[in-house]
N, C-alpha and C. Protein backbone atom coordinates (compact mmCIF):
# COMPACT_ATOMS: atom_id res chain seq x y z
N MET A 1 127.31 8.95 49.42
CA MET A 1 126.02 9.03 50.05
C MET A 1 125.51 10.47 50.06
N LYS A 2 126.42 11.42 50.39
CA LYS A 2 126.03 12.81 50.39
C LYS A 2 125.61 13.26 48.99
N LYS A 3 126.28 12.70 47.98
CA LYS A 3 125.97 13.07 46.61
C LYS A 3 124.57 12.61 46.23
N VAL A 4 124.15 11.41 46.63
CA VAL A 4 122.82 10.87 46.32
C VAL A 4 121.74 11.70 47.02
N VAL A 5 121.96 12.03 48.30
CA VAL A 5 120.99 12.84 49.04
C VAL A 5 120.87 14.23 48.41
N PHE A 6 121.99 14.79 48.00
CA PHE A 6 121.98 16.10 47.36
C PHE A 6 121.21 16.06 46.04
N ILE A 7 121.40 15.04 45.24
CA ILE A 7 120.70 14.89 43.95
C ILE A 7 119.20 14.69 44.19
N LEU A 8 118.82 13.82 45.12
CA LEU A 8 117.40 13.58 45.42
C LEU A 8 116.73 14.85 45.93
N THR A 9 117.41 15.58 46.80
CA THR A 9 116.86 16.83 47.31
C THR A 9 116.69 17.84 46.17
N GLY A 10 117.61 17.90 45.28
CA GLY A 10 117.52 18.79 44.11
C GLY A 10 116.36 18.41 43.20
N ILE A 11 116.18 17.11 42.99
CA ILE A 11 115.07 16.64 42.15
C ILE A 11 113.73 16.99 42.79
N ILE A 12 113.62 16.80 44.10
CA ILE A 12 112.37 17.11 44.80
C ILE A 12 112.09 18.61 44.74
N ILE A 13 113.08 19.43 45.00
CA ILE A 13 112.90 20.89 44.96
C ILE A 13 112.54 21.34 43.54
N LEU A 14 113.20 20.80 42.54
CA LEU A 14 112.91 21.13 41.15
C LEU A 14 111.48 20.71 40.78
N SER A 15 111.06 19.53 41.24
CA SER A 15 109.70 19.05 40.96
C SER A 15 108.65 19.96 41.59
N VAL A 16 108.86 20.36 42.84
CA VAL A 16 107.92 21.25 43.52
C VAL A 16 107.89 22.60 42.79
N PHE A 17 109.06 23.12 42.42
CA PHE A 17 109.11 24.38 41.69
C PHE A 17 108.36 24.29 40.36
N LEU A 18 108.58 23.24 39.59
CA LEU A 18 107.89 23.06 38.31
C LEU A 18 106.37 22.92 38.49
N TYR A 19 105.97 22.23 39.56
CA TYR A 19 104.54 22.06 39.85
C TYR A 19 103.88 23.42 40.06
N TYR A 20 104.47 24.27 40.89
CA TYR A 20 103.91 25.59 41.15
C TYR A 20 104.06 26.52 39.93
N ALA A 21 105.15 26.40 39.21
CA ALA A 21 105.34 27.23 38.01
C ALA A 21 104.29 26.88 36.96
N PHE A 22 103.97 25.60 36.82
CA PHE A 22 102.94 25.19 35.87
C PHE A 22 101.58 25.76 36.29
N GLY A 23 101.28 25.77 37.58
CA GLY A 23 100.02 26.33 38.07
C GLY A 23 99.90 27.81 37.77
N VAL A 24 100.97 28.56 37.98
CA VAL A 24 100.97 29.99 37.69
C VAL A 24 100.82 30.22 36.19
N PHE A 25 101.54 29.45 35.39
CA PHE A 25 101.45 29.57 33.93
C PHE A 25 100.05 29.23 33.44
N SER A 26 99.47 28.16 33.96
CA SER A 26 98.12 27.74 33.57
C SER A 26 97.09 28.82 33.91
N SER A 27 97.21 29.43 35.06
CA SER A 27 96.28 30.50 35.44
C SER A 27 96.43 31.72 34.55
N SER A 28 97.66 32.03 34.18
CA SER A 28 97.88 33.24 33.38
C SER A 28 97.36 33.09 31.97
N VAL A 29 97.33 31.89 31.42
CA VAL A 29 96.79 31.70 30.07
C VAL A 29 95.38 31.14 30.11
N GLY A 30 94.93 30.69 31.25
CA GLY A 30 93.60 30.14 31.40
C GLY A 30 92.62 31.19 31.86
N TRP A 31 92.08 31.04 33.04
CA TRP A 31 91.06 31.94 33.57
C TRP A 31 91.53 33.40 33.57
N TYR A 32 92.70 33.66 34.12
CA TYR A 32 93.17 35.04 34.22
C TYR A 32 93.66 35.56 32.87
N GLY A 33 94.07 34.67 31.99
CA GLY A 33 94.48 35.09 30.65
C GLY A 33 93.30 35.54 29.81
N TYR A 34 92.18 34.84 29.91
CA TYR A 34 90.99 35.21 29.14
C TYR A 34 90.23 36.37 29.76
N GLN A 35 90.38 36.56 31.05
CA GLN A 35 89.73 37.64 31.79
C GLN A 35 88.22 37.66 31.53
N LYS A 36 87.59 36.52 31.76
CA LYS A 36 86.16 36.39 31.50
C LYS A 36 85.31 37.31 32.36
N TRP A 37 85.79 37.75 33.48
CA TRP A 37 85.00 38.61 34.37
C TRP A 37 84.78 40.00 33.77
N LYS A 38 85.51 40.36 32.72
CA LYS A 38 85.35 41.68 32.11
C LYS A 38 84.18 41.75 31.14
N TYR A 39 83.72 40.60 30.67
CA TYR A 39 82.75 40.58 29.58
C TYR A 39 81.38 40.14 30.06
N ARG A 40 80.38 40.62 29.40
CA ARG A 40 78.99 40.30 29.72
C ARG A 40 78.71 38.83 29.41
N GLY A 41 77.99 38.21 30.31
CA GLY A 41 77.64 36.80 30.12
C GLY A 41 76.16 36.65 29.87
N GLY A 42 75.79 35.45 29.54
CA GLY A 42 74.39 35.11 29.33
C GLY A 42 74.18 33.65 29.64
N THR A 43 72.98 33.30 30.00
CA THR A 43 72.69 31.91 30.31
C THR A 43 72.07 31.23 29.08
N THR A 44 72.04 29.91 29.10
CA THR A 44 71.46 29.16 27.99
C THR A 44 70.20 28.42 28.39
N THR A 45 69.87 28.43 29.69
CA THR A 45 68.64 27.79 30.15
C THR A 45 67.96 28.67 31.19
N ILE A 46 66.66 28.50 31.29
CA ILE A 46 65.90 29.25 32.30
C ILE A 46 66.33 28.80 33.70
N GLY A 47 66.60 27.52 33.86
CA GLY A 47 67.06 27.01 35.16
C GLY A 47 68.35 27.67 35.61
N GLU A 48 69.30 27.80 34.70
CA GLU A 48 70.57 28.46 35.04
C GLU A 48 70.32 29.93 35.36
N SER A 49 69.43 30.58 34.62
CA SER A 49 69.10 31.98 34.86
C SER A 49 68.49 32.16 36.25
N LYS A 50 67.60 31.25 36.64
CA LYS A 50 66.99 31.33 37.97
C LYS A 50 68.02 31.04 39.06
N GLN A 51 68.91 30.10 38.79
CA GLN A 51 69.96 29.77 39.76
C GLN A 51 70.88 30.97 40.00
N ARG A 52 71.20 31.70 38.96
CA ARG A 52 72.04 32.89 39.10
C ARG A 52 71.26 34.10 39.61
N LYS A 53 69.94 33.96 39.74
CA LYS A 53 69.05 35.02 40.21
C LYS A 53 69.04 36.23 39.27
N VAL A 54 69.04 35.97 37.95
CA VAL A 54 68.96 37.04 36.96
C VAL A 54 67.71 36.91 36.09
N PHE A 55 66.92 35.86 36.29
CA PHE A 55 65.73 35.63 35.48
C PHE A 55 64.68 36.72 35.74
N VAL A 56 64.06 37.23 34.64
CA VAL A 56 63.02 38.24 34.76
C VAL A 56 61.67 37.66 34.37
N LYS A 57 61.54 37.16 33.12
CA LYS A 57 60.26 36.58 32.71
C LYS A 57 60.40 35.82 31.40
N GLU A 58 59.48 34.88 31.20
CA GLU A 58 59.38 34.16 29.93
C GLU A 58 58.60 35.01 28.94
N LEU A 59 58.89 34.80 27.66
CA LEU A 59 58.20 35.52 26.61
C LEU A 59 57.31 34.58 25.80
N ASN A 60 56.34 35.14 25.12
CA ASN A 60 55.49 34.36 24.23
C ASN A 60 56.18 34.22 22.88
N TYR A 61 55.90 33.13 22.19
CA TYR A 61 56.51 32.92 20.88
C TYR A 61 55.62 32.01 20.04
N LYS A 62 55.86 32.05 18.74
CA LYS A 62 55.16 31.17 17.81
C LYS A 62 56.10 30.87 16.65
N ILE A 63 56.18 29.58 16.28
CA ILE A 63 57.00 29.18 15.14
C ILE A 63 56.09 29.14 13.92
N VAL A 64 56.47 29.87 12.86
CA VAL A 64 55.68 29.93 11.64
C VAL A 64 56.56 29.56 10.45
N ASP A 65 55.91 29.18 9.36
CA ASP A 65 56.61 28.83 8.12
C ASP A 65 57.77 27.86 8.37
N SER A 66 57.49 26.80 9.09
CA SER A 66 58.57 25.88 9.46
C SER A 66 58.56 24.64 8.58
N ALA A 67 59.74 24.03 8.47
CA ALA A 67 59.90 22.79 7.73
C ALA A 67 60.99 21.96 8.38
N ASN A 68 60.71 20.68 8.58
CA ASN A 68 61.69 19.71 9.11
C ASN A 68 62.19 20.07 10.50
N LEU A 69 61.33 20.54 11.37
CA LEU A 69 61.74 20.93 12.73
C LEU A 69 61.29 19.90 13.76
N LYS A 70 61.47 18.64 13.49
CA LYS A 70 61.11 17.60 14.45
C LYS A 70 62.04 17.67 15.66
N GLY A 71 61.45 17.73 16.82
CA GLY A 71 62.24 17.74 18.06
C GLY A 71 62.90 19.07 18.37
N PHE A 72 62.56 20.12 17.65
CA PHE A 72 63.13 21.43 17.91
C PHE A 72 62.49 22.03 19.15
N TYR A 73 63.31 22.50 20.07
CA TYR A 73 62.84 23.06 21.33
C TYR A 73 63.34 24.49 21.44
N PHE A 74 62.45 25.40 21.83
CA PHE A 74 62.80 26.82 21.92
C PHE A 74 61.92 27.47 22.97
N LYS A 75 62.51 28.31 23.82
CA LYS A 75 61.75 29.04 24.83
C LYS A 75 62.49 30.36 25.11
N PRO A 76 61.93 31.51 24.68
CA PRO A 76 62.60 32.80 24.92
C PRO A 76 62.30 33.36 26.31
N TYR A 77 63.24 34.15 26.82
CA TYR A 77 63.06 34.79 28.13
C TYR A 77 63.95 36.02 28.23
N ILE A 78 63.62 36.84 29.20
CA ILE A 78 64.42 38.04 29.48
C ILE A 78 65.11 37.84 30.82
N GLU A 79 66.37 38.23 30.88
CA GLU A 79 67.15 38.14 32.11
C GLU A 79 67.97 39.41 32.29
N LYS A 80 68.41 39.64 33.49
CA LYS A 80 69.30 40.76 33.77
C LYS A 80 70.68 40.44 33.21
N GLY A 81 71.34 41.45 32.67
CA GLY A 81 72.70 41.27 32.20
C GLY A 81 73.64 41.07 33.38
N PHE A 82 74.65 40.24 33.21
CA PHE A 82 75.58 39.98 34.31
C PHE A 82 76.97 39.69 33.78
N LYS A 83 77.91 39.71 34.68
CA LYS A 83 79.29 39.33 34.40
C LYS A 83 79.66 38.23 35.38
N TYR A 84 80.66 37.45 35.01
CA TYR A 84 81.15 36.39 35.90
C TYR A 84 81.95 37.02 37.04
N GLY A 85 82.12 36.27 38.12
CA GLY A 85 82.92 36.72 39.24
C GLY A 85 84.39 36.79 38.87
N TYR A 86 85.18 37.43 39.73
CA TYR A 86 86.60 37.61 39.45
C TYR A 86 87.38 36.30 39.48
N HIS A 87 86.92 35.34 40.26
CA HIS A 87 87.70 34.11 40.42
C HIS A 87 86.96 32.85 39.98
N SER A 88 85.70 32.98 39.54
CA SER A 88 84.94 31.79 39.19
C SER A 88 83.78 32.14 38.27
N MET A 89 83.45 31.23 37.37
CA MET A 89 82.28 31.41 36.52
C MET A 89 81.00 31.13 37.28
N GLU A 90 81.10 30.55 38.45
CA GLU A 90 79.92 30.27 39.27
C GLU A 90 79.39 31.52 39.95
N ASP A 91 80.25 32.51 40.16
CA ASP A 91 79.84 33.76 40.79
C ASP A 91 79.15 34.65 39.75
N THR A 92 78.16 35.41 40.18
CA THR A 92 77.40 36.28 39.29
C THR A 92 77.45 37.71 39.82
N ARG A 93 77.86 38.63 38.96
CA ARG A 93 77.83 40.05 39.29
C ARG A 93 76.86 40.73 38.32
N ILE A 94 75.72 41.18 38.81
CA ILE A 94 74.73 41.82 37.95
C ILE A 94 75.31 43.13 37.42
N ASP A 95 75.17 43.35 36.12
CA ASP A 95 75.75 44.51 35.45
C ASP A 95 74.80 45.70 35.58
N ASN A 96 74.96 46.48 36.63
CA ASN A 96 74.10 47.65 36.88
C ASN A 96 74.58 48.90 36.16
N PHE A 97 75.73 48.87 35.54
CA PHE A 97 76.31 50.05 34.94
C PHE A 97 76.18 50.07 33.42
N SER A 98 75.41 49.16 32.86
CA SER A 98 75.23 49.08 31.42
C SER A 98 74.05 49.95 30.98
N HIS A 99 74.11 50.46 29.77
CA HIS A 99 72.97 51.18 29.20
C HIS A 99 71.86 50.21 28.82
N TYR A 100 72.20 48.93 28.68
CA TYR A 100 71.25 47.89 28.30
C TYR A 100 71.30 46.78 29.35
N PRO A 101 70.62 46.94 30.47
CA PRO A 101 70.77 46.01 31.58
C PRO A 101 70.05 44.67 31.42
N TYR A 102 69.32 44.45 30.33
CA TYR A 102 68.58 43.20 30.16
C TYR A 102 69.00 42.49 28.88
N ASN A 103 68.99 41.15 28.94
CA ASN A 103 69.30 40.31 27.79
C ASN A 103 68.04 39.66 27.26
N LEU A 104 67.90 39.59 25.95
CA LEU A 104 66.90 38.73 25.33
C LEU A 104 67.62 37.40 25.09
N SER A 105 67.23 36.37 25.82
CA SER A 105 67.89 35.07 25.74
C SER A 105 66.89 34.01 25.34
N TYR A 106 67.38 32.84 25.00
CA TYR A 106 66.47 31.74 24.71
C TYR A 106 67.11 30.41 25.06
N GLU A 107 66.24 29.53 25.49
CA GLU A 107 66.62 28.16 25.81
C GLU A 107 66.28 27.31 24.59
N ARG A 108 67.18 26.43 24.20
CA ARG A 108 66.94 25.57 23.05
C ARG A 108 67.77 24.32 23.14
N ASN A 109 67.46 23.34 22.31
CA ASN A 109 68.28 22.14 22.31
C ASN A 109 69.52 22.43 21.47
N ILE A 110 70.65 22.42 22.13
CA ILE A 110 71.92 22.79 21.51
C ILE A 110 72.46 21.68 20.61
N LYS A 111 72.01 20.47 20.79
CA LYS A 111 72.61 19.32 20.09
C LYS A 111 72.34 19.32 18.59
N ASP A 112 71.29 20.00 18.15
CA ASP A 112 71.01 20.00 16.71
C ASP A 112 71.89 21.04 16.01
N SER A 113 71.98 20.92 14.70
CA SER A 113 72.81 21.83 13.92
C SER A 113 71.96 22.95 13.33
N ILE A 114 71.30 23.67 14.21
CA ILE A 114 70.40 24.75 13.78
C ILE A 114 70.95 26.08 14.27
N VAL A 115 70.94 27.06 13.38
CA VAL A 115 71.42 28.41 13.69
C VAL A 115 70.21 29.33 13.77
N LEU A 116 70.20 30.18 14.79
CA LEU A 116 69.12 31.16 14.96
C LEU A 116 69.70 32.56 14.78
N ASN A 117 69.13 33.32 13.85
CA ASN A 117 69.59 34.68 13.58
C ASN A 117 68.43 35.65 13.64
N ILE A 118 68.62 36.76 14.33
CA ILE A 118 67.61 37.80 14.39
C ILE A 118 67.59 38.51 13.03
N PHE A 119 66.39 38.73 12.48
CA PHE A 119 66.28 39.42 11.20
C PHE A 119 66.91 40.82 11.31
N PRO A 120 67.65 41.25 10.28
CA PRO A 120 68.32 42.57 10.35
C PRO A 120 67.36 43.72 10.63
N GLU A 121 66.17 43.71 10.02
CA GLU A 121 65.22 44.81 10.26
C GLU A 121 64.64 44.75 11.67
N ASP A 122 64.66 43.56 12.30
CA ASP A 122 64.15 43.44 13.67
C ASP A 122 65.21 43.80 14.72
N LYS A 123 66.47 43.80 14.33
CA LYS A 123 67.52 44.23 15.26
C LYS A 123 67.33 45.68 15.66
N LYS A 124 66.71 46.46 14.75
CA LYS A 124 66.46 47.88 15.04
C LYS A 124 65.39 48.05 16.12
N LYS A 125 64.55 47.02 16.30
CA LYS A 125 63.50 47.08 17.33
C LYS A 125 64.08 46.88 18.73
N LEU A 126 65.24 46.25 18.79
CA LEU A 126 65.93 46.06 20.06
C LEU A 126 66.74 47.31 20.38
N ASP A 127 67.05 47.52 21.62
CA ASP A 127 67.86 48.69 21.98
C ASP A 127 69.30 48.53 21.51
N SER A 128 69.79 47.29 21.51
CA SER A 128 71.12 46.97 21.02
C SER A 128 71.14 45.48 20.72
N SER A 129 72.03 45.05 19.82
CA SER A 129 72.09 43.62 19.50
C SER A 129 73.38 43.30 18.77
N ASP A 130 73.65 42.00 18.70
CA ASP A 130 74.69 41.50 17.81
C ASP A 130 74.02 40.43 16.96
N VAL A 131 74.75 39.47 16.47
CA VAL A 131 74.17 38.50 15.54
C VAL A 131 73.04 37.69 16.17
N VAL A 132 73.22 37.18 17.36
CA VAL A 132 72.20 36.31 17.97
C VAL A 132 71.65 36.81 19.30
N TRP A 133 72.27 37.79 19.92
CA TRP A 133 71.81 38.27 21.22
C TRP A 133 71.16 39.63 21.08
N GLY A 134 70.15 39.86 21.90
CA GLY A 134 69.49 41.15 21.95
C GLY A 134 69.64 41.75 23.33
N TYR A 135 69.79 43.06 23.40
CA TYR A 135 69.96 43.75 24.67
C TYR A 135 68.88 44.83 24.79
N LEU A 136 68.36 44.99 26.00
CA LEU A 136 67.21 45.87 26.21
C LEU A 136 67.46 46.86 27.36
N ARG A 137 66.84 48.03 27.25
CA ARG A 137 66.89 49.01 28.34
C ARG A 137 65.84 48.69 29.40
N GLN A 138 64.71 48.15 28.99
CA GLN A 138 63.61 47.81 29.88
C GLN A 138 63.35 46.30 29.81
N PRO A 139 62.73 45.72 30.83
CA PRO A 139 62.52 44.26 30.84
C PRO A 139 61.30 43.80 30.04
N TYR A 140 61.12 44.35 28.85
CA TYR A 140 60.03 43.93 27.97
C TYR A 140 60.41 44.27 26.53
N LEU A 141 59.73 43.61 25.59
CA LEU A 141 59.93 43.90 24.18
C LEU A 141 58.91 44.95 23.74
N LYS A 142 59.35 45.93 22.97
CA LYS A 142 58.47 46.97 22.48
C LYS A 142 57.62 46.48 21.31
N ASP A 143 58.15 45.54 20.56
CA ASP A 143 57.49 45.06 19.36
C ASP A 143 57.88 43.59 19.13
N THR A 144 57.20 42.94 18.21
CA THR A 144 57.49 41.55 17.90
C THR A 144 58.85 41.43 17.21
N ILE A 145 59.63 40.47 17.67
CA ILE A 145 60.95 40.19 17.09
C ILE A 145 60.86 38.88 16.32
N ARG A 146 61.46 38.85 15.13
CA ARG A 146 61.48 37.62 14.33
C ARG A 146 62.89 37.05 14.29
N ILE A 147 62.96 35.74 14.44
CA ILE A 147 64.25 35.03 14.39
C ILE A 147 64.16 33.99 13.29
N GLU A 148 65.16 33.96 12.44
CA GLU A 148 65.22 33.00 11.34
C GLU A 148 65.86 31.71 11.82
N ILE A 149 65.26 30.58 11.44
CA ILE A 149 65.80 29.26 11.77
C ILE A 149 66.44 28.70 10.50
N GLU A 150 67.70 28.31 10.60
CA GLU A 150 68.39 27.69 9.48
C GLU A 150 69.13 26.46 10.00
N GLY A 151 68.97 25.34 9.29
CA GLY A 151 69.63 24.12 9.72
C GLY A 151 70.30 23.40 8.57
N MET A 152 71.24 22.55 8.91
CA MET A 152 71.96 21.80 7.90
C MET A 152 71.07 20.73 7.25
N GLY A 153 70.10 20.23 7.98
CA GLY A 153 69.22 19.19 7.47
C GLY A 153 67.98 19.77 6.82
N LYS A 154 68.11 20.89 6.12
CA LYS A 154 67.01 21.56 5.44
C LYS A 154 65.92 22.03 6.41
N GLN A 155 66.31 22.25 7.68
CA GLN A 155 65.36 22.81 8.64
C GLN A 155 65.30 24.31 8.39
N LYS A 156 64.09 24.84 8.44
CA LYS A 156 63.94 26.28 8.28
C LYS A 156 62.64 26.72 8.94
N GLY A 157 62.56 27.99 9.19
CA GLY A 157 61.35 28.54 9.80
C GLY A 157 61.60 29.93 10.34
N ILE A 158 60.56 30.48 10.92
CA ILE A 158 60.63 31.80 11.53
C ILE A 158 59.97 31.72 12.90
N ILE A 159 60.62 32.30 13.89
CA ILE A 159 60.05 32.37 15.23
C ILE A 159 59.67 33.81 15.50
N LYS A 160 58.45 34.03 15.92
CA LYS A 160 58.01 35.37 16.32
C LYS A 160 57.94 35.41 17.83
N ILE A 161 58.59 36.41 18.42
CA ILE A 161 58.65 36.56 19.88
C ILE A 161 57.98 37.88 20.26
N TRP A 162 57.15 37.85 21.27
CA TRP A 162 56.54 39.08 21.78
C TRP A 162 56.41 39.03 23.28
């Protein structure tokens, strides 16, 4: 009888230990492993931007030279740059220490297979940029920015933002 109680107690203690060990391991390779709070974030919708309280203003745009863009949705806006909180992606820490405190962002329908790329010569008009994101020192565009639309279904076009 003592042997059965000893084995059951050992199994319970081992199970509790494995449960907590898995939680620590999951955190170290998950949220804390990726360290998302260190990197600049951006929103994908104006609603999310307003919810995080980083929305600045909507921008004007026009789609030109387009083909096969049925149902394509696009709306550019400027928002404050931010980082995620230390313990949750729901928390927002506005990035006040960046040389480029504003993001050029856009809302679009993500479900289509369309890629948006800023023209290389127009990246120079932004204060800083990468392939698809633009970063600004001031909450406005100095000049018109062009974005190329490319899709798998022969969708193409140019978006002018000002």
